[in-house]
Amino acid sequence: MSGKSQAGIPWREDLMANTGRSGVGAAFVAMLTSPGFAVITTWRIARMLRFQTRWGHQITWLLVRALMRRGCYISVLAEIGPGLILPHPTGVVIGEGARIGRSVMLYHNVTLGRRAWDEPGCPTIGDGAVIYTGAVIVGPTSIGAGANVAANAVVTRDVPPHSVAAGAPARIVRSEAPGRLRA
């Protein structure tokens, strides 16, 4: 679960994942027309600047505030792999310490964080996982590669790769071979 693409610039994969296009012109258009791409790009800039420049901390604070105005919170201490897809980024909360793999899709109102502010451990989301609307994943929980978490599920235990978790509390409702999983 690497945070950098082969080119070293994850936003290129974010752009391709969110819009199916590439290039600087497409990125400019996507910043105006794709809320998900705009959110993840703003987060990547904030994360990059937080300790880079004399004013990095202040600029990071302003960028995080801009994300919050869009209705989501993504900690600059989270680790997010390239190709994150946010079809509807409103209500998305990604707490500090959360780890997200490559090509993950998070729908709106998804929460990834600790069980309580004073408890250690945050979720780890494997490559290619899909987390549907309203899902809450808390604690030192691992969502396997290619797994799906159903809408409004509350996940407090690990979900194996290529499985579907649903319910509150979530339980495994289906487990299939890689490439055959249907949501």
N, C-alpha and C. Protein backbone atom coordinates (compact mmCIF):
# COMPACT_ATOMS: atom_id res chain seq x y z
N MET A 1 0.85 -1.18 0.00
CA MET A 1 0.00 0.00 0.00
C MET A 1 0.89 1.23 0.00
N SER A 2 1.31 1.62 -1.12
CA SER A 2 2.23 2.75 -1.27
C SER A 2 1.46 4.03 -1.53
N GLY A 3 1.93 5.14 -0.96
CA GLY A 3 1.28 6.43 -1.16
C GLY A 3 1.70 7.13 -2.43
N LYS A 4 2.68 6.56 -3.16
CA LYS A 4 3.16 7.23 -4.37
C LYS A 4 2.94 6.34 -5.58
N SER A 5 2.58 6.95 -6.67
CA SER A 5 2.45 6.22 -7.92
C SER A 5 3.83 6.02 -8.51
N GLN A 6 3.91 5.32 -9.62
CA GLN A 6 5.19 5.09 -10.26
C GLN A 6 5.85 6.41 -10.65
N ALA A 7 5.08 7.38 -11.03
CA ALA A 7 5.63 8.68 -11.40
C ALA A 7 5.93 9.54 -10.18
N GLY A 8 5.54 9.09 -8.98
CA GLY A 8 5.78 9.85 -7.77
C GLY A 8 4.73 10.92 -7.52
N ILE A 9 3.72 11.01 -8.38
CA ILE A 9 2.69 12.02 -8.22
C ILE A 9 1.32 11.33 -8.19
N PRO A 10 0.79 11.06 -6.99
CA PRO A 10 -0.47 10.31 -6.89
C PRO A 10 -1.66 11.00 -7.54
N TRP A 11 -1.62 12.34 -7.66
CA TRP A 11 -2.81 13.02 -8.22
C TRP A 11 -3.08 12.61 -9.65
N ARG A 12 -2.07 12.16 -10.38
CA ARG A 12 -2.31 11.69 -11.75
C ARG A 12 -3.23 10.48 -11.74
N GLU A 13 -2.98 9.55 -10.81
CA GLU A 13 -3.87 8.40 -10.68
C GLU A 13 -5.23 8.82 -10.13
N ASP A 14 -5.25 9.80 -9.23
CA ASP A 14 -6.53 10.32 -8.73
C ASP A 14 -7.34 10.90 -9.88
N LEU A 15 -6.69 11.66 -10.74
CA LEU A 15 -7.37 12.26 -11.90
C LEU A 15 -7.94 11.19 -12.81
N MET A 16 -7.14 10.19 -13.14
CA MET A 16 -7.60 9.11 -14.02
C MET A 16 -8.75 8.34 -13.37
N ALA A 17 -8.65 8.06 -12.07
CA ALA A 17 -9.69 7.30 -11.38
C ALA A 17 -11.00 8.07 -11.29
N ASN A 18 -10.92 9.38 -11.07
CA ASN A 18 -12.14 10.18 -10.89
C ASN A 18 -12.76 10.68 -12.18
N THR A 19 -11.95 10.84 -13.23
CA THR A 19 -12.48 11.43 -14.46
C THR A 19 -12.24 10.60 -15.71
N GLY A 20 -11.31 9.65 -15.64
CA GLY A 20 -10.97 8.87 -16.82
C GLY A 20 -10.12 9.64 -17.82
N ARG A 21 -9.54 10.75 -17.39
CA ARG A 21 -8.74 11.60 -18.27
C ARG A 21 -7.37 11.84 -17.65
N SER A 22 -6.47 12.38 -18.47
CA SER A 22 -5.14 12.72 -17.97
C SER A 22 -4.70 14.05 -18.56
N GLY A 23 -3.66 14.62 -17.97
CA GLY A 23 -3.12 15.87 -18.47
C GLY A 23 -3.47 17.07 -17.61
N VAL A 24 -2.69 18.12 -17.77
CA VAL A 24 -2.88 19.33 -16.98
C VAL A 24 -4.22 19.99 -17.28
N GLY A 25 -4.61 20.04 -18.55
CA GLY A 25 -5.90 20.64 -18.91
C GLY A 25 -7.06 19.89 -18.27
N ALA A 26 -6.99 18.56 -18.30
CA ALA A 26 -8.04 17.76 -17.68
C ALA A 26 -8.06 17.98 -16.17
N ALA A 27 -6.88 18.14 -15.55
CA ALA A 27 -6.82 18.39 -14.12
C ALA A 27 -7.47 19.73 -13.77
N PHE A 28 -7.21 20.75 -14.58
CA PHE A 28 -7.82 22.06 -14.35
C PHE A 28 -9.34 21.97 -14.42
N VAL A 29 -9.85 21.32 -15.46
CA VAL A 29 -11.30 21.15 -15.61
C VAL A 29 -11.86 20.32 -14.45
N ALA A 30 -11.15 19.27 -14.06
CA ALA A 30 -11.62 18.41 -12.98
C ALA A 30 -11.68 19.15 -11.65
N MET A 31 -10.75 20.07 -11.41
CA MET A 31 -10.79 20.85 -10.18
C MET A 31 -12.07 21.68 -10.08
N LEU A 32 -12.62 22.05 -11.22
CA LEU A 32 -13.85 22.84 -11.26
C LEU A 32 -15.11 21.99 -11.32
N THR A 33 -15.02 20.79 -11.87
CA THR A 33 -16.22 20.00 -12.14
C THR A 33 -16.33 18.69 -11.37
N SER A 34 -15.26 18.22 -10.77
CA SER A 34 -15.27 16.95 -10.04
C SER A 34 -14.97 17.21 -8.56
N PRO A 35 -16.00 17.26 -7.73
CA PRO A 35 -15.77 17.54 -6.31
C PRO A 35 -14.81 16.55 -5.66
N GLY A 36 -14.92 15.28 -6.02
CA GLY A 36 -14.04 14.27 -5.44
C GLY A 36 -12.58 14.52 -5.77
N PHE A 37 -12.30 14.84 -7.03
CA PHE A 37 -10.93 15.13 -7.43
C PHE A 37 -10.43 16.41 -6.75
N ALA A 38 -11.28 17.41 -6.65
CA ALA A 38 -10.89 18.66 -6.00
C ALA A 38 -10.54 18.42 -4.53
N VAL A 39 -11.33 17.59 -3.85
CA VAL A 39 -11.06 17.30 -2.44
C VAL A 39 -9.74 16.58 -2.27
N ILE A 40 -9.51 15.51 -3.02
CA ILE A 40 -8.29 14.73 -2.82
C ILE A 40 -7.06 15.54 -3.25
N THR A 41 -7.20 16.37 -4.28
CA THR A 41 -6.07 17.21 -4.71
C THR A 41 -5.74 18.25 -3.64
N THR A 42 -6.76 18.87 -3.07
CA THR A 42 -6.55 19.84 -2.00
C THR A 42 -5.86 19.17 -0.82
N TRP A 43 -6.31 17.95 -0.47
CA TRP A 43 -5.68 17.22 0.63
C TRP A 43 -4.22 16.90 0.32
N ARG A 44 -3.93 16.46 -0.90
CA ARG A 44 -2.55 16.11 -1.25
C ARG A 44 -1.64 17.35 -1.18
N ILE A 45 -2.14 18.50 -1.60
CA ILE A 45 -1.36 19.73 -1.51
C ILE A 45 -1.12 20.10 -0.04
N ALA A 46 -2.17 20.00 0.78
CA ALA A 46 -2.03 20.31 2.21
C ALA A 46 -1.02 19.39 2.87
N ARG A 47 -1.09 18.11 2.56
CA ARG A 47 -0.16 17.14 3.15
C ARG A 47 1.28 17.43 2.71
N MET A 48 1.45 17.78 1.46
CA MET A 48 2.78 18.06 0.94
C MET A 48 3.38 19.32 1.59
N LEU A 49 2.56 20.33 1.81
CA LEU A 49 3.05 21.62 2.32
C LEU A 49 3.19 21.69 3.83
N ARG A 50 2.62 20.76 4.57
CA ARG A 50 2.53 20.94 6.02
C ARG A 50 3.86 21.21 6.69
N PHE A 51 4.97 20.63 6.22
CA PHE A 51 6.28 20.91 6.81
C PHE A 51 7.30 21.40 5.78
N GLN A 52 6.85 21.69 4.58
CA GLN A 52 7.77 22.00 3.49
C GLN A 52 8.28 23.44 3.48
N THR A 53 7.45 24.36 3.83
CA THR A 53 7.82 25.76 3.68
C THR A 53 7.69 26.48 5.02
N ARG A 54 8.18 27.70 5.02
CA ARG A 54 8.07 28.52 6.23
C ARG A 54 6.61 28.72 6.62
N TRP A 55 5.76 28.85 5.62
CA TRP A 55 4.34 29.10 5.86
C TRP A 55 3.51 27.84 5.68
N GLY A 56 4.15 26.69 5.54
CA GLY A 56 3.45 25.45 5.25
C GLY A 56 2.34 25.11 6.23
N HIS A 57 2.61 25.29 7.53
CA HIS A 57 1.60 24.95 8.53
C HIS A 57 0.35 25.82 8.38
N GLN A 58 0.55 27.11 8.16
CA GLN A 58 -0.59 28.02 8.00
C GLN A 58 -1.36 27.72 6.71
N ILE A 59 -0.62 27.45 5.63
CA ILE A 59 -1.29 27.12 4.36
C ILE A 59 -2.06 25.81 4.51
N THR A 60 -1.46 24.83 5.19
CA THR A 60 -2.14 23.56 5.43
C THR A 60 -3.44 23.79 6.19
N TRP A 61 -3.40 24.63 7.22
CA TRP A 61 -4.59 24.92 8.00
C TRP A 61 -5.69 25.51 7.10
N LEU A 62 -5.31 26.44 6.22
CA LEU A 62 -6.29 27.04 5.31
C LEU A 62 -6.87 26.01 4.34
N LEU A 63 -6.03 25.12 3.84
CA LEU A 63 -6.52 24.09 2.91
C LEU A 63 -7.45 23.10 3.61
N VAL A 64 -7.12 22.72 4.84
CA VAL A 64 -8.00 21.82 5.60
C VAL A 64 -9.33 22.51 5.86
N ARG A 65 -9.30 23.81 6.15
CA ARG A 65 -10.56 24.57 6.33
C ARG A 65 -11.37 24.56 5.04
N ALA A 66 -10.70 24.67 3.89
CA ALA A 66 -11.39 24.62 2.60
C ALA A 66 -12.06 23.27 2.41
N LEU A 67 -11.41 22.19 2.82
CA LEU A 67 -12.03 20.86 2.74
C LEU A 67 -13.26 20.79 3.63
N MET A 68 -13.16 21.36 4.83
CA MET A 68 -14.28 21.32 5.75
C MET A 68 -15.47 22.11 5.21
N ARG A 69 -15.21 23.16 4.46
CA ARG A 69 -16.30 23.91 3.84
C ARG A 69 -17.01 23.06 2.78
N ARG A 70 -16.30 22.11 2.21
CA ARG A 70 -16.91 21.18 1.25
C ARG A 70 -17.69 20.08 1.97
N GLY A 71 -17.63 20.07 3.29
CA GLY A 71 -18.41 19.10 4.05
C GLY A 71 -17.67 17.82 4.35
N CYS A 72 -16.34 17.85 4.33
CA CYS A 72 -15.60 16.64 4.68
C CYS A 72 -14.37 17.01 5.49
N TYR A 73 -13.85 16.01 6.20
CA TYR A 73 -12.63 16.21 6.97
C TYR A 73 -11.69 15.06 6.65
N ILE A 74 -10.50 15.39 6.18
CA ILE A 74 -9.46 14.39 5.93
C ILE A 74 -8.21 14.88 6.64
N SER A 75 -7.77 14.14 7.64
CA SER A 75 -6.58 14.53 8.39
C SER A 75 -5.35 14.45 7.50
N VAL A 76 -4.45 15.42 7.65
CA VAL A 76 -3.20 15.37 6.89
C VAL A 76 -2.29 14.27 7.44
N LEU A 77 -2.64 13.67 8.56
CA LEU A 77 -1.87 12.57 9.12
C LEU A 77 -2.37 11.21 8.64
N ALA A 78 -3.43 11.19 7.85
CA ALA A 78 -3.88 9.94 7.23
C ALA A 78 -2.94 9.60 6.08
N GLU A 79 -2.90 8.32 5.71
CA GLU A 79 -2.11 7.88 4.57
C GLU A 79 -3.07 7.41 3.49
N ILE A 80 -3.00 8.03 2.32
CA ILE A 80 -3.93 7.71 1.24
C ILE A 80 -3.14 7.37 -0.02
N GLY A 81 -3.39 6.18 -0.55
CA GLY A 81 -2.73 5.74 -1.77
C GLY A 81 -3.31 6.43 -2.99
N PRO A 82 -2.65 6.28 -4.13
CA PRO A 82 -3.12 6.92 -5.36
C PRO A 82 -4.41 6.29 -5.87
N GLY A 83 -5.16 7.08 -6.62
CA GLY A 83 -6.37 6.58 -7.25
C GLY A 83 -7.60 6.58 -6.37
N LEU A 84 -7.61 7.35 -5.29
CA LEU A 84 -8.79 7.42 -4.43
C LEU A 84 -9.95 8.02 -5.21
N ILE A 85 -11.11 7.37 -5.12
CA ILE A 85 -12.31 7.85 -5.81
C ILE A 85 -13.31 8.29 -4.75
N LEU A 86 -13.76 9.53 -4.85
CA LEU A 86 -14.77 10.09 -3.96
C LEU A 86 -15.92 10.59 -4.83
N PRO A 87 -16.88 9.72 -5.18
CA PRO A 87 -17.96 10.15 -6.07
C PRO A 87 -18.78 11.30 -5.49
N HIS A 88 -19.01 11.27 -4.19
CA HIS A 88 -19.77 12.32 -3.50
C HIS A 88 -19.04 12.57 -2.18
N PRO A 89 -18.09 13.50 -2.11
CA PRO A 89 -17.24 13.62 -0.93
C PRO A 89 -17.89 14.26 0.29
N THR A 90 -19.14 14.63 0.22
CA THR A 90 -19.80 15.27 1.36
C THR A 90 -19.92 14.29 2.53
N GLY A 91 -19.55 14.76 3.70
CA GLY A 91 -19.69 13.96 4.91
C GLY A 91 -18.60 12.93 5.12
N VAL A 92 -17.59 12.90 4.29
CA VAL A 92 -16.51 11.94 4.45
C VAL A 92 -15.59 12.41 5.57
N VAL A 93 -15.28 11.49 6.50
CA VAL A 93 -14.36 11.78 7.59
C VAL A 93 -13.28 10.71 7.58
N ILE A 94 -12.04 11.14 7.42
CA ILE A 94 -10.90 10.23 7.46
C ILE A 94 -9.97 10.75 8.55
N GLY A 95 -9.95 10.04 9.67
CA GLY A 95 -9.20 10.50 10.82
C GLY A 95 -7.71 10.26 10.71
N GLU A 96 -6.97 10.90 11.62
CA GLU A 96 -5.53 10.74 11.60
C GLU A 96 -5.18 9.29 11.93
N GLY A 97 -4.22 8.77 11.19
CA GLY A 97 -3.79 7.39 11.39
C GLY A 97 -4.47 6.40 10.46
N ALA A 98 -5.55 6.80 9.82
CA ALA A 98 -6.22 5.90 8.87
C ALA A 98 -5.30 5.67 7.68
N ARG A 99 -5.34 4.44 7.15
CA ARG A 99 -4.51 4.10 5.98
C ARG A 99 -5.42 3.58 4.88
N ILE A 100 -5.28 4.14 3.69
CA ILE A 100 -6.13 3.78 2.55
C ILE A 100 -5.23 3.37 1.40
N GLY A 101 -5.50 2.21 0.81
CA GLY A 101 -4.69 1.69 -0.29
C GLY A 101 -5.00 2.34 -1.62
N ARG A 102 -4.52 1.72 -2.68
CA ARG A 102 -4.70 2.21 -4.05
C ARG A 102 -6.11 1.91 -4.54
N SER A 103 -6.61 2.82 -5.38
CA SER A 103 -7.87 2.62 -6.11
C SER A 103 -9.04 2.25 -5.21
N VAL A 104 -9.14 2.91 -4.08
CA VAL A 104 -10.24 2.70 -3.14
C VAL A 104 -11.35 3.69 -3.48
N MET A 105 -12.61 3.27 -3.31
CA MET A 105 -13.75 4.15 -3.54
C MET A 105 -14.50 4.34 -2.22
N LEU A 106 -14.67 5.61 -1.83
CA LEU A 106 -15.42 5.96 -0.62
C LEU A 106 -16.61 6.81 -1.03
N TYR A 107 -17.81 6.36 -0.71
CA TYR A 107 -19.01 7.15 -0.99
C TYR A 107 -19.25 8.15 0.15
N HIS A 108 -20.31 8.94 0.05
CA HIS A 108 -20.55 10.00 1.02
C HIS A 108 -20.92 9.45 2.40
N ASN A 109 -20.66 10.29 3.39
CA ASN A 109 -20.94 10.01 4.80
C ASN A 109 -20.20 8.79 5.34
N VAL A 110 -19.03 8.48 4.79
CA VAL A 110 -18.19 7.40 5.30
C VAL A 110 -17.29 7.97 6.39
N THR A 111 -17.15 7.22 7.48
CA THR A 111 -16.27 7.63 8.57
C THR A 111 -15.23 6.55 8.82
N LEU A 112 -13.97 6.96 8.84
CA LEU A 112 -12.85 6.08 9.17
C LEU A 112 -12.11 6.73 10.33
N GLY A 113 -12.06 6.06 11.48
CA GLY A 113 -11.38 6.67 12.61
C GLY A 113 -11.24 5.75 13.79
N ARG A 114 -10.85 6.33 14.91
CA ARG A 114 -10.69 5.58 16.15
C ARG A 114 -12.05 5.30 16.78
N ARG A 115 -12.08 4.31 17.68
CA ARG A 115 -13.31 4.03 18.43
C ARG A 115 -13.61 5.18 19.40
N ALA A 116 -12.57 5.69 20.03
CA ALA A 116 -12.68 6.83 20.95
C ALA A 116 -11.40 7.64 20.81
N TRP A 117 -11.46 8.91 21.14
CA TRP A 117 -10.30 9.78 20.92
C TRP A 117 -9.06 9.32 21.67
N ASP A 118 -9.24 8.64 22.80
CA ASP A 118 -8.08 8.22 23.60
C ASP A 118 -7.67 6.77 23.35
N GLU A 119 -8.30 6.08 22.41
CA GLU A 119 -7.93 4.70 22.08
C GLU A 119 -7.06 4.67 20.84
N PRO A 120 -5.98 3.89 20.88
CA PRO A 120 -5.12 3.81 19.69
C PRO A 120 -5.74 2.92 18.62
N GLY A 121 -5.25 3.04 17.43
CA GLY A 121 -5.67 2.16 16.34
C GLY A 121 -6.69 2.78 15.42
N CYS A 122 -6.36 2.78 14.13
CA CYS A 122 -7.25 3.31 13.11
C CYS A 122 -7.39 2.29 12.00
N PRO A 123 -8.42 2.42 11.18
CA PRO A 123 -8.65 1.45 10.10
C PRO A 123 -7.58 1.47 9.02
N THR A 124 -7.42 0.31 8.39
CA THR A 124 -6.59 0.16 7.21
C THR A 124 -7.48 -0.40 6.12
N ILE A 125 -7.55 0.30 4.99
CA ILE A 125 -8.40 -0.12 3.87
C ILE A 125 -7.49 -0.64 2.76
N GLY A 126 -7.72 -1.88 2.33
CA GLY A 126 -6.89 -2.50 1.31
C GLY A 126 -7.18 -1.98 -0.09
N ASP A 127 -6.27 -2.26 -1.00
CA ASP A 127 -6.38 -1.83 -2.39
C ASP A 127 -7.68 -2.30 -3.03
N GLY A 128 -8.33 -1.41 -3.76
CA GLY A 128 -9.52 -1.77 -4.53
C GLY A 128 -10.78 -1.98 -3.72
N ALA A 129 -10.78 -1.65 -2.45
CA ALA A 129 -11.98 -1.81 -1.62
C ALA A 129 -13.00 -0.73 -1.98
N VAL A 130 -14.28 -1.02 -1.73
CA VAL A 130 -15.36 -0.06 -1.95
C VAL A 130 -16.13 0.06 -0.64
N ILE A 131 -16.26 1.29 -0.14
CA ILE A 131 -16.98 1.57 1.09
C ILE A 131 -18.19 2.41 0.72
N TYR A 132 -19.38 1.85 0.92
CA TYR A 132 -20.61 2.51 0.48
C TYR A 132 -21.14 3.51 1.51
N THR A 133 -22.14 4.25 1.10
CA THR A 133 -22.72 5.36 1.83
C THR A 133 -23.00 5.06 3.30
N GLY A 134 -22.54 5.95 4.15
CA GLY A 134 -22.88 5.90 5.57
C GLY A 134 -22.13 4.86 6.38
N ALA A 135 -21.20 4.16 5.79
CA ALA A 135 -20.47 3.14 6.54
C ALA A 135 -19.56 3.80 7.57
N VAL A 136 -19.42 3.14 8.71
CA VAL A 136 -18.55 3.61 9.78
C VAL A 136 -17.57 2.48 10.07
N ILE A 137 -16.29 2.78 9.96
CA ILE A 137 -15.24 1.79 10.21
C ILE A 137 -14.34 2.38 11.29
N VAL A 138 -14.29 1.73 12.45
CA VAL A 138 -13.57 2.31 13.58
C VAL A 138 -12.62 1.31 14.21
N GLY A 139 -11.62 1.86 14.87
CA GLY A 139 -10.65 1.05 15.58
C GLY A 139 -9.59 0.45 14.66
N PRO A 140 -8.76 -0.42 15.21
CA PRO A 140 -7.68 -1.03 14.43
C PRO A 140 -8.22 -2.14 13.52
N THR A 141 -9.07 -1.74 12.61
CA THR A 141 -9.79 -2.67 11.74
C THR A 141 -9.12 -2.71 10.37
N SER A 142 -9.07 -3.90 9.78
CA SER A 142 -8.49 -4.05 8.45
C SER A 142 -9.57 -4.49 7.47
N ILE A 143 -9.72 -3.73 6.40
CA ILE A 143 -10.64 -4.08 5.32
C ILE A 143 -9.76 -4.63 4.20
N GLY A 144 -9.96 -5.89 3.84
CA GLY A 144 -9.09 -6.54 2.87
C GLY A 144 -9.20 -5.97 1.46
N ALA A 145 -8.22 -6.29 0.64
CA ALA A 145 -8.19 -5.84 -0.75
C ALA A 145 -9.42 -6.36 -1.49
N GLY A 146 -10.06 -5.49 -2.24
CA GLY A 146 -11.21 -5.88 -3.04
C GLY A 146 -12.48 -6.14 -2.26
N ALA A 147 -12.49 -5.83 -0.97
CA ALA A 147 -13.69 -6.04 -0.14
C ALA A 147 -14.68 -4.90 -0.36
N ASN A 148 -15.95 -5.19 -0.07
CA ASN A 148 -17.01 -4.18 -0.11
C ASN A 148 -17.61 -4.07 1.28
N VAL A 149 -17.88 -2.84 1.71
CA VAL A 149 -18.59 -2.59 2.96
C VAL A 149 -19.90 -1.94 2.57
N ALA A 150 -21.01 -2.58 2.93
CA ALA A 150 -22.34 -2.12 2.52
C ALA A 150 -22.71 -0.80 3.18
N ALA A 151 -23.71 -0.16 2.61
CA ALA A 151 -24.21 1.11 3.13
C ALA A 151 -24.66 0.95 4.57
N ASN A 152 -24.32 1.94 5.39
CA ASN A 152 -24.71 2.03 6.79
C ASN A 152 -24.17 0.91 7.67
N ALA A 153 -23.17 0.18 7.21
CA ALA A 153 -22.55 -0.85 8.03
C ALA A 153 -21.68 -0.19 9.10
N VAL A 154 -21.59 -0.85 10.25
CA VAL A 154 -20.72 -0.39 11.32
C VAL A 154 -19.69 -1.50 11.53
N VAL A 155 -18.46 -1.24 11.09
CA VAL A 155 -17.42 -2.26 11.09
C VAL A 155 -16.47 -2.02 12.25
N THR A 156 -16.36 -3.04 13.13
CA THR A 156 -15.44 -2.97 14.26
C THR A 156 -14.47 -4.15 14.25
N ARG A 157 -14.62 -5.06 13.28
CA ARG A 157 -13.74 -6.23 13.14
C ARG A 157 -13.21 -6.30 11.72
N ASP A 158 -12.16 -7.06 11.53
CA ASP A 158 -11.55 -7.20 10.21
C ASP A 158 -12.50 -7.81 9.19
N VAL A 159 -12.38 -7.35 7.95
CA VAL A 159 -13.14 -7.89 6.82
C VAL A 159 -12.12 -8.53 5.88
N PRO A 160 -12.26 -9.83 5.57
CA PRO A 160 -11.29 -10.50 4.71
C PRO A 160 -11.32 -9.94 3.28
N PRO A 161 -10.23 -10.16 2.54
CA PRO A 161 -10.21 -9.72 1.14
C PRO A 161 -11.35 -10.35 0.34
N HIS A 162 -11.88 -9.60 -0.61
CA HIS A 162 -12.91 -10.06 -1.55
C HIS A 162 -14.16 -10.57 -0.84
N SER A 163 -14.56 -9.86 0.21
CA SER A 163 -15.76 -10.19 0.97
C SER A 163 -16.70 -9.00 0.98
N VAL A 164 -17.93 -9.25 1.40
CA VAL A 164 -18.91 -8.19 1.58
C VAL A 164 -19.32 -8.19 3.05
N ALA A 165 -19.20 -7.03 3.70
CA ALA A 165 -19.62 -6.87 5.08
C ALA A 165 -20.85 -5.97 5.10
N ALA A 166 -21.85 -6.36 5.89
CA ALA A 166 -23.08 -5.57 5.98
C ALA A 166 -23.65 -5.68 7.39
N GLY A 167 -24.43 -4.67 7.76
CA GLY A 167 -25.14 -4.68 9.03
C GLY A 167 -24.48 -3.82 10.08
N ALA A 168 -25.20 -3.70 11.20
CA ALA A 168 -24.70 -2.93 12.33
C ALA A 168 -24.96 -3.74 13.60
N PRO A 169 -23.98 -4.40 14.13
CA PRO A 169 -22.58 -4.46 13.70
C PRO A 169 -22.42 -5.30 12.43
N ALA A 170 -21.40 -4.99 11.69
CA ALA A 170 -21.19 -5.65 10.40
C ALA A 170 -20.78 -7.11 10.58
N ARG A 171 -21.25 -7.93 9.64
CA ARG A 171 -20.82 -9.32 9.57
C ARG A 171 -20.58 -9.64 8.10
N ILE A 172 -19.84 -10.68 7.85
CA ILE A 172 -19.52 -11.08 6.48
C ILE A 172 -20.74 -11.78 5.90
N VAL A 173 -21.28 -11.23 4.81
CA VAL A 173 -22.46 -11.82 4.18
C VAL A 173 -22.11 -12.57 2.89
N ARG A 174 -20.92 -12.32 2.36
CA ARG A 174 -20.50 -13.03 1.15
C ARG A 174 -18.99 -12.95 1.03
N SER A 175 -18.42 -14.02 0.53
CA SER A 175 -16.99 -14.04 0.27
C SER A 175 -16.77 -14.79 -1.02
N GLU A 176 -16.09 -14.16 -1.98
CA GLU A 176 -15.91 -14.76 -3.30
C GLU A 176 -14.47 -14.67 -3.74
N ALA A 177 -14.17 -15.39 -4.80
CA ALA A 177 -12.84 -15.37 -5.38
C ALA A 177 -12.56 -13.99 -5.97
N PRO A 178 -11.29 -13.59 -6.02
CA PRO A 178 -10.94 -12.30 -6.61
C PRO A 178 -11.49 -12.15 -8.02
N GLY A 179 -11.99 -10.96 -8.32
CA GLY A 179 -12.50 -10.68 -9.65
C GLY A 179 -13.94 -11.08 -9.88
N ARG A 180 -14.55 -11.78 -8.93
CA ARG A 180 -15.92 -12.23 -9.11
C ARG A 180 -16.89 -11.52 -8.19
N LEU A 181 -16.41 -10.65 -7.34
CA LEU A 181 -17.25 -9.99 -6.35
C LEU A 181 -18.19 -8.99 -7.00
N ARG A 182 -19.45 -9.12 -6.68
CA ARG A 182 -20.47 -8.17 -7.15
C ARG A 182 -21.08 -7.52 -5.91
N ALA A 183 -21.21 -6.22 -5.94
CA ALA A 183 -21.76 -5.50 -4.78
C ALA A 183 -23.25 -5.68 -4.70
